[in-house]
Amino acid sequence: MPGYYMKHDKEFLSTADTSKFNKNILDLNFFQECHYLYKIIEKSPKNSIILDIGAYNGDTSLYISKLLKKQGRMDIKIICFEPNKEHCSIIMNEKNKYGLNIDIYNNIISDDTKRLYMKKNEGPGTMYDTCYKSSVYYDSITIDSLNLEIDVEGHEPQVIMGSIQTLSDCKYLYVELWNDEHFRERHSKKMEGSHNRRVLKSINSIDTNFLPIQKIEKNIIFENFGKK
């Protein structure tokens, strides 16, 4: 479904509180998107922690961490969560090479401890869920179980529901939020109802002060207006 990410989902617009939302969708390439996020992150309070859930090979986190180091913000730590060991090794090698403030967890994140199966290997778009029953699988953990922003290919509500305690102390969430049509197209299992409504409900379960402020292609930034 080409171009889906440059359209607003009707369920999102009818369900979300859009009082702070810029409805002009930003069309950015990868490096422009990373720099946009960096400009938000560099203003974070001292010793802030950034969670990259579904870090892939660290492309986003490594780019931002290098900029933070260049600007003297080594106090900001980025924690990467990635189930693929080879991808974790790539992140670790770059972290050590450039002396970056990054931690790597070789884990897959969900709302509970359970087995998640790979649909098929699609690089940064690889999907995991309980319904696929493939030969590649990982046992999940929750963020809150570790006492510690989200790109998990349709698994966003489960990740958020397993992170309520941690995310309640966050200022921003950056979530890949597909249109409902695209979600149904990508997933092999049929799920009733709206994916957008499920994501928004899970975010509201953290704090109703989390409001969407900007859509960047298929991703949406939420800001916690109750947290300074």
Protein backbone atom coordinates (compact mmCIF):
# COMPACT_ATOMS: atom_id res chain seq x y z
CA MET A 1 0.00 0.00 0.00
CA PRO A 2 2.40 2.72 -1.24
CA GLY A 3 2.10 6.13 0.36
CA TYR A 4 -0.01 4.92 3.32
CA TYR A 5 2.36 6.62 5.74
CA MET A 6 1.59 10.05 4.30
CA LYS A 7 -2.10 9.76 5.21
CA HIS A 8 -3.81 10.18 8.57
CA ASP A 9 -5.74 7.18 9.83
CA LYS A 10 -9.40 8.12 10.26
CA GLU A 11 -9.67 6.14 13.50
CA PHE A 12 -6.66 7.97 14.90
CA LEU A 13 -8.15 11.38 14.10
CA SER A 14 -11.56 10.45 15.56
CA THR A 15 -10.11 8.85 18.73
CA ALA A 16 -6.98 10.84 19.66
CA ASP A 17 -6.92 14.18 21.43
CA THR A 18 -5.50 16.28 18.59
CA SER A 19 -5.51 19.59 20.46
CA LYS A 20 -1.67 19.68 20.33
CA PHE A 21 -1.30 17.81 17.04
CA ASN A 22 0.28 19.27 13.91
CA LYS A 23 -1.72 17.64 11.13
CA ASN A 24 0.95 18.47 8.54
CA ILE A 25 2.79 15.18 8.03
CA LEU A 26 6.58 15.50 7.77
CA ASP A 27 8.13 13.60 4.84
CA LEU A 28 11.71 13.02 6.02
CA ASN A 29 14.44 10.67 4.86
CA PHE A 30 16.18 8.46 7.41
CA PHE A 31 18.93 10.94 8.34
CA GLN A 32 16.50 13.87 8.55
CA GLU A 33 14.27 11.82 10.85
CA CYS A 34 17.22 10.92 13.09
CA HIS A 35 18.28 14.56 13.27
CA TYR A 36 14.72 15.63 14.13
CA LEU A 37 14.72 13.18 17.04
CA TYR A 38 18.21 14.23 18.07
CA LYS A 39 17.11 17.88 18.38
CA ILE A 40 14.45 16.77 20.87
CA ILE A 41 16.75 14.42 22.77
CA GLU A 42 19.65 16.89 23.12
CA LYS A 43 17.39 19.12 25.24
CA SER A 44 16.71 16.31 27.72
CA PRO A 45 17.54 16.78 31.42
CA LYS A 46 20.93 15.59 32.66
CA ASN A 47 21.33 11.80 32.88
CA SER A 48 18.22 11.09 30.79
CA ILE A 49 17.63 7.60 29.41
CA ILE A 50 16.31 6.88 25.89
CA LEU A 51 14.74 3.47 25.15
CA ASP A 52 15.04 2.15 21.60
CA ILE A 53 12.67 -0.83 21.51
CA GLY A 54 13.21 -2.82 18.34
CA ALA A 55 16.65 -1.32 17.68
CA TYR A 56 17.46 -3.48 14.62
CA ASN A 57 21.19 -2.92 13.93
CA GLY A 58 21.30 0.32 15.89
CA ASP A 59 21.01 2.55 12.83
CA THR A 60 18.95 5.20 14.63
CA SER A 61 20.52 4.95 18.09
CA LEU A 62 24.11 4.94 16.83
CA TYR A 63 23.50 8.01 14.68
CA ILE A 64 21.93 9.94 17.57
CA SER A 65 24.49 8.76 20.14
CA LYS A 66 27.37 9.94 17.97
CA LEU A 67 25.77 13.39 17.70
CA LEU A 68 25.20 13.49 21.47
CA LYS A 69 28.85 12.67 22.09
CA LYS A 70 29.94 15.36 19.63
CA GLN A 71 27.83 17.93 21.51
CA GLY A 72 29.12 16.86 24.94
CA ARG A 73 25.91 15.11 26.05
CA MET A 74 27.50 11.83 27.10
CA ASP A 75 25.26 11.92 30.18
CA ILE A 76 22.33 10.80 27.99
CA LYS A 77 22.19 7.01 27.77
CA ILE A 78 20.45 5.10 24.97
CA ILE A 79 19.27 1.58 25.81
CA CYS A 80 18.73 -0.67 22.79
CA PHE A 81 16.47 -3.73 22.87
CA GLU A 82 16.93 -6.17 19.99
CA PRO A 83 16.27 -9.96 19.85
CA ASN A 84 18.70 -10.71 17.01
CA LYS A 85 22.19 -11.48 18.43
CA GLU A 86 23.99 -10.52 15.21
CA HIS A 87 22.34 -7.10 15.27
CA CYS A 88 23.29 -6.68 18.92
CA SER A 89 26.91 -7.47 18.01
CA ILE A 90 26.87 -4.72 15.37
CA ILE A 91 25.64 -2.21 17.94
CA MET A 92 28.20 -3.37 20.50
CA ASN A 93 31.08 -3.08 18.02
CA GLU A 94 30.10 0.47 17.08
CA LYS A 95 29.56 1.41 20.73
CA ASN A 96 33.08 0.22 21.61
CA LYS A 97 34.66 1.73 18.51
CA TYR A 98 33.30 5.22 19.14
CA GLY A 99 32.97 5.13 22.94
CA LEU A 100 29.22 5.72 22.97
CA ASN A 101 26.87 5.77 25.96
CA ILE A 102 24.73 2.86 24.79
CA ASP A 103 23.56 -0.28 26.59
CA ILE A 104 22.34 -3.30 24.61
CA TYR A 105 19.77 -5.86 25.76
CA ASN A 106 19.45 -8.97 23.61
CA ASN A 107 15.71 -9.25 24.34
CA ILE A 108 12.33 -9.02 22.66
CA ILE A 109 9.81 -6.84 24.49
CA SER A 110 6.09 -7.46 25.04
CA ASP A 111 3.36 -7.16 27.69
CA ASP A 112 4.22 -10.46 29.40
CA THR A 113 6.63 -13.41 29.33
CA LYS A 114 5.69 -15.49 26.28
CA ARG A 115 7.08 -16.97 23.09
CA LEU A 116 6.99 -14.70 20.04
CA TYR A 117 7.59 -16.17 16.58
CA MET A 118 9.08 -14.48 13.53
CA LYS A 119 6.71 -14.03 10.60
CA LYS A 120 9.59 -13.72 8.11
CA ASN A 121 12.87 -11.86 8.01
CA GLU A 122 12.15 -8.41 6.60
CA GLY A 123 15.19 -6.57 7.96
CA PRO A 124 14.12 -3.53 10.02
CA GLY A 125 10.46 -4.46 9.35
CA THR A 126 10.60 -7.97 10.81
CA MET A 127 7.43 -8.89 12.71
CA TYR A 128 7.01 -11.17 15.75
CA ASP A 129 3.82 -12.45 17.36
CA THR A 130 2.33 -15.51 19.03
CA CYS A 131 0.42 -16.58 15.92
CA TYR A 132 3.16 -17.28 13.36
CA LYS A 133 4.61 -20.59 14.70
CA SER A 134 7.81 -20.36 12.68
CA SER A 135 11.15 -21.98 13.54
CA VAL A 136 12.59 -18.63 14.71
CA TYR A 137 11.27 -17.45 18.06
CA TYR A 138 12.24 -15.55 21.20
CA ASP A 139 10.88 -15.51 24.75
CA SER A 140 9.78 -12.02 25.63
CA ILE A 141 10.24 -9.88 28.73
CA THR A 142 8.61 -6.62 29.81
CA ILE A 143 10.34 -3.28 30.22
CA ASP A 144 8.94 -2.92 33.74
CA SER A 145 10.49 -6.23 34.78
CA LEU A 146 13.92 -4.66 34.23
CA ASN A 147 13.18 -1.73 36.56
CA LEU A 148 14.49 0.66 34.00
CA GLU A 149 10.64 5.29 21.93
CA ILE A 150 8.94 2.27 19.91
CA ASP A 151 9.26 0.48 16.57
CA VAL A 152 7.99 -3.08 16.86
CA GLU A 153 6.03 -3.67 13.65
CA GLY A 154 2.47 -3.84 14.98
CA HIS A 155 3.29 -5.07 18.51
CA GLU A 156 3.14 -1.56 19.99
CA PRO A 157 0.11 -2.01 22.31
CA GLN A 158 1.67 -5.06 24.00
CA VAL A 159 5.02 -3.32 24.49
CA ILE A 160 3.33 -0.28 26.02
CA MET A 161 1.16 -2.37 28.34
CA GLY A 162 4.31 -4.07 29.65
CA SER A 163 6.02 -0.71 30.23
CA ILE A 164 3.41 1.35 32.07
CA GLN A 165 5.50 1.89 35.21
CA THR A 166 8.59 2.91 33.23
CA LEU A 167 6.87 5.02 30.58
CA SER A 168 4.89 6.98 33.16
CA ASP A 169 8.14 8.82 33.87
CA CYS A 170 8.82 9.58 30.20
CA LYS A 171 8.43 12.94 28.46
CA TYR A 172 8.14 11.62 24.88
CA LEU A 173 7.03 8.47 23.07
CA TYR A 174 7.91 7.89 19.43
CA VAL A 175 5.71 5.13 18.06
CA GLU A 176 5.44 3.53 14.64
CA LEU A 177 1.68 3.69 14.19
CA TRP A 178 0.41 2.11 10.99
CA ASN A 179 -2.91 2.95 9.41
CA ASP A 180 -5.49 0.29 10.29
CA GLU A 181 -5.66 -0.75 6.64
CA HIS A 182 -1.92 -1.32 6.50
CA PHE A 183 -1.96 -3.23 9.81
CA ARG A 184 -4.55 -5.67 8.49
CA GLU A 185 -2.57 -6.03 5.26
CA ARG A 186 0.72 -6.80 7.03
CA HIS A 187 -0.54 -9.22 9.68
CA SER A 188 -1.45 -12.76 8.75
CA LYS A 189 -3.87 -13.01 11.66
CA LYS A 190 -7.18 -11.19 11.49
CA MET A 191 -7.73 -8.80 14.38
CA GLU A 192 -11.07 -7.15 14.91
CA GLY A 193 -11.30 -3.49 15.73
CA SER A 194 -8.85 -0.67 15.16
CA HIS A 195 -5.09 -1.01 15.71
CA ASN A 196 -4.94 2.77 16.20
CA ARG A 197 -7.56 2.60 18.95
CA ARG A 198 -5.61 -0.18 20.70
CA VAL A 199 -2.38 1.86 20.64
CA LEU A 200 -4.11 5.01 21.87
CA LYS A 201 -5.87 3.07 24.64
CA SER A 202 -2.56 1.58 25.81
CA ILE A 203 -0.91 5.02 25.84
CA ASN A 204 -3.84 6.49 27.79
CA SER A 205 -3.42 3.69 30.33
CA ILE A 206 0.00 5.18 31.12
CA ASP A 207 -1.10 8.80 31.44
CA THR A 208 -3.87 10.77 29.75
CA ASN A 209 -1.43 13.69 29.49
CA PHE A 210 0.36 11.90 26.61
CA LEU A 211 -0.89 13.71 23.49
CA PRO A 212 0.20 13.33 19.85
CA ILE A 213 2.14 16.33 18.55
CA GLN A 214 3.64 15.32 15.18
CA LYS A 215 3.43 12.61 12.52
CA ILE A 216 6.63 11.78 10.63
CA GLU A 217 5.64 9.45 7.79
CA LYS A 218 4.23 6.38 9.64
CA ASN A 219 5.54 7.41 13.08
CA ILE A 220 3.90 9.64 15.68
CA ILE A 221 5.51 11.59 18.52
CA PHE A 222 3.52 11.77 21.77
CA GLU A 223 4.46 14.31 24.44
CA ASN A 224 3.60 14.00 28.14
CA PHE A 225 2.22 17.46 28.94
CA GLY A 226 1.95 16.52 32.61
CA LYS A 227 5.72 16.13 32.95
CA LYS A 228 8.16 19.05 32.90
